[in-house]
Amino acid sequence: MKLHLAQSAGQNVFSGYGTDYVAVNDVRYEKSVVVTPREITEWNVRGFEALTEADFAFVAGLGAEIVIFGTGGSQRFPRPELVRALVVAGVGLEVMDSRAACRTYNILAAEGRKVVAAILVD
């Protein structure tokens, strides 16, 4: 699906998604990504079941107020011990399927919020 949201100058936004990809600023990514309004980083995770505390510690270190965690095609909640770094850093966490996460990130980024999207691509 292609998203239609006016892009702020120089800001990363999700422009589309499908079952095996997301697109940021019309660039297709077929691997998991971490997106901030200014940076895009491939997130070297091997899937939901393989997530580690270090994966979330990396995300916690990006200076966000809130992390939108897209868990692929369906909503799945990570074990509490995995997200400890976010709790310690005082970063909010919202968990949703990746499609909803892309849309939610775009809204929050457009509002100027300090948001990070951590998106698993199945």
Protein backbone atom coordinates (compact mmCIF):
# COMPACT_ATOMS: atom_id res chain seq x y z
CA MET A 1 0.00 0.00 0.00
CA LYS A 2 1.21 3.48 -0.81
CA LEU A 3 0.82 6.14 1.87
CA HIS A 4 0.01 9.72 0.97
CA LEU A 5 1.31 12.15 3.58
CA ALA A 6 2.84 15.50 2.83
CA GLN A 7 6.53 15.15 3.60
CA SER A 8 8.23 17.81 5.68
CA ALA A 9 11.45 19.04 4.13
CA GLY A 10 14.31 16.72 4.98
CA GLN A 11 12.24 14.45 7.22
CA ASN A 12 11.98 10.69 6.85
CA VAL A 13 8.45 9.37 6.42
CA PHE A 14 7.05 6.00 5.44
CA SER A 15 5.74 6.21 1.89
CA GLY A 16 4.53 2.61 1.54
CA TYR A 17 4.51 -0.89 2.94
CA GLY A 18 3.67 -4.44 1.99
CA THR A 19 3.95 -7.94 3.38
CA ASP A 20 7.70 -8.08 2.86
CA TYR A 21 8.89 -4.46 2.74
CA VAL A 22 8.51 -0.90 3.93
CA ALA A 23 9.33 2.20 1.92
CA VAL A 24 10.82 5.35 3.41
CA ASN A 25 10.87 8.43 1.18
CA ASP A 26 10.04 6.12 -1.74
CA VAL A 27 13.07 3.86 -1.07
CA ARG A 28 12.12 0.23 -0.52
CA TYR A 29 13.60 -1.73 2.44
CA GLU A 30 13.18 -5.50 2.58
CA LYS A 31 14.97 -5.83 5.92
CA SER A 32 14.01 -4.53 9.34
CA VAL A 33 14.73 -0.84 9.87
CA VAL A 34 14.94 1.81 12.57
CA VAL A 35 13.71 5.18 11.33
CA THR A 36 13.97 8.59 12.95
CA PRO A 37 12.96 11.85 11.32
CA ARG A 38 16.63 12.32 10.30
CA GLU A 39 18.15 8.81 10.01
CA ILE A 40 17.39 5.37 8.57
CA THR A 41 19.33 2.37 9.88
CA GLU A 42 18.97 -1.26 8.90
CA TRP A 43 18.08 -3.10 12.11
CA ASN A 44 20.04 -6.33 12.16
CA VAL A 45 17.46 -8.53 13.90
CA ARG A 46 16.63 -12.05 12.83
CA GLY A 47 12.92 -11.83 13.59
CA PHE A 48 10.56 -11.38 16.49
CA GLU A 49 11.52 -14.53 18.37
CA ALA A 50 15.23 -13.66 18.13
CA LEU A 51 14.94 -10.15 19.63
CA THR A 52 17.42 -9.38 22.40
CA GLU A 53 17.87 -6.74 25.09
CA ALA A 54 20.71 -5.30 22.98
CA ASP A 55 18.30 -4.72 20.08
CA PHE A 56 16.14 -2.50 22.27
CA ALA A 57 19.14 -0.90 24.01
CA PHE A 58 20.26 0.35 20.59
CA VAL A 59 16.83 1.88 20.01
CA ALA A 60 16.77 3.37 23.54
CA GLY A 61 20.00 5.22 22.81
CA LEU A 62 18.51 7.24 19.94
CA GLY A 63 17.04 10.00 22.12
CA ALA A 64 13.36 9.42 21.40
CA GLU A 65 10.39 10.28 23.58
CA ILE A 66 8.49 7.36 22.10
CA VAL A 67 9.32 4.22 20.14
CA ILE A 68 6.78 2.80 17.75
CA PHE A 69 7.57 -0.91 17.45
CA GLY A 70 6.14 -2.58 14.36
CA THR A 71 6.08 -6.33 14.87
CA GLY A 72 5.49 -7.47 11.30
CA GLY A 73 2.18 -8.70 9.93
CA SER A 74 0.56 -9.11 13.32
CA GLN A 75 0.81 -7.41 16.69
CA ARG A 76 3.02 -9.30 19.13
CA PHE A 77 4.33 -8.04 22.47
CA PRO A 78 8.00 -8.46 23.43
CA ARG A 79 8.89 -9.98 26.78
CA PRO A 80 9.23 -7.26 29.48
CA GLU A 81 12.91 -7.97 30.13
CA LEU A 82 13.73 -7.17 26.49
CA VAL A 83 12.48 -3.59 26.73
CA ARG A 84 14.13 -2.79 30.07
CA ALA A 85 16.52 -0.28 28.44
CA LEU A 86 13.54 1.74 27.18
CA VAL A 87 11.97 1.79 30.64
CA VAL A 88 15.23 2.84 32.30
CA ALA A 89 15.69 5.62 29.72
CA GLY A 90 12.12 6.84 30.26
CA VAL A 91 11.15 6.16 26.64
CA GLY A 92 7.55 5.28 25.86
CA LEU A 93 6.83 2.15 23.82
CA GLU A 94 3.85 1.49 21.58
CA VAL A 95 3.57 -1.95 20.01
CA MET A 96 1.52 -2.57 16.87
CA ASP A 97 1.66 -4.41 13.58
CA SER A 98 4.10 -2.83 11.11
CA ARG A 99 1.40 -1.30 8.90
CA ALA A 100 -0.12 0.60 11.81
CA ALA A 101 3.34 1.49 13.10
CA CYS A 102 4.27 3.16 9.79
CA ARG A 103 1.10 5.26 9.82
CA THR A 104 1.48 6.21 13.49
CA TYR A 105 5.14 7.18 13.07
CA ASN A 106 4.22 9.49 10.16
CA ILE A 107 1.62 11.30 12.27
CA LEU A 108 3.95 11.75 15.24
CA ALA A 109 6.88 12.83 13.07
CA ALA A 110 4.66 15.39 11.32
CA GLU A 111 3.77 16.79 14.75
CA GLY A 112 7.48 17.29 15.46
CA ARG A 113 7.64 14.62 18.15
CA LYS A 114 10.91 12.86 19.05
CA VAL A 115 9.82 9.52 17.62
CA VAL A 116 11.60 6.38 16.48
CA ALA A 117 10.03 3.59 14.45
CA ALA A 118 11.58 0.14 14.90
CA ILE A 119 9.99 -1.96 12.18
CA LEU A 120 10.33 -5.72 11.71
CA VAL A 121 9.98 -6.83 8.12
CA ASP A 122 8.80 -10.46 7.95
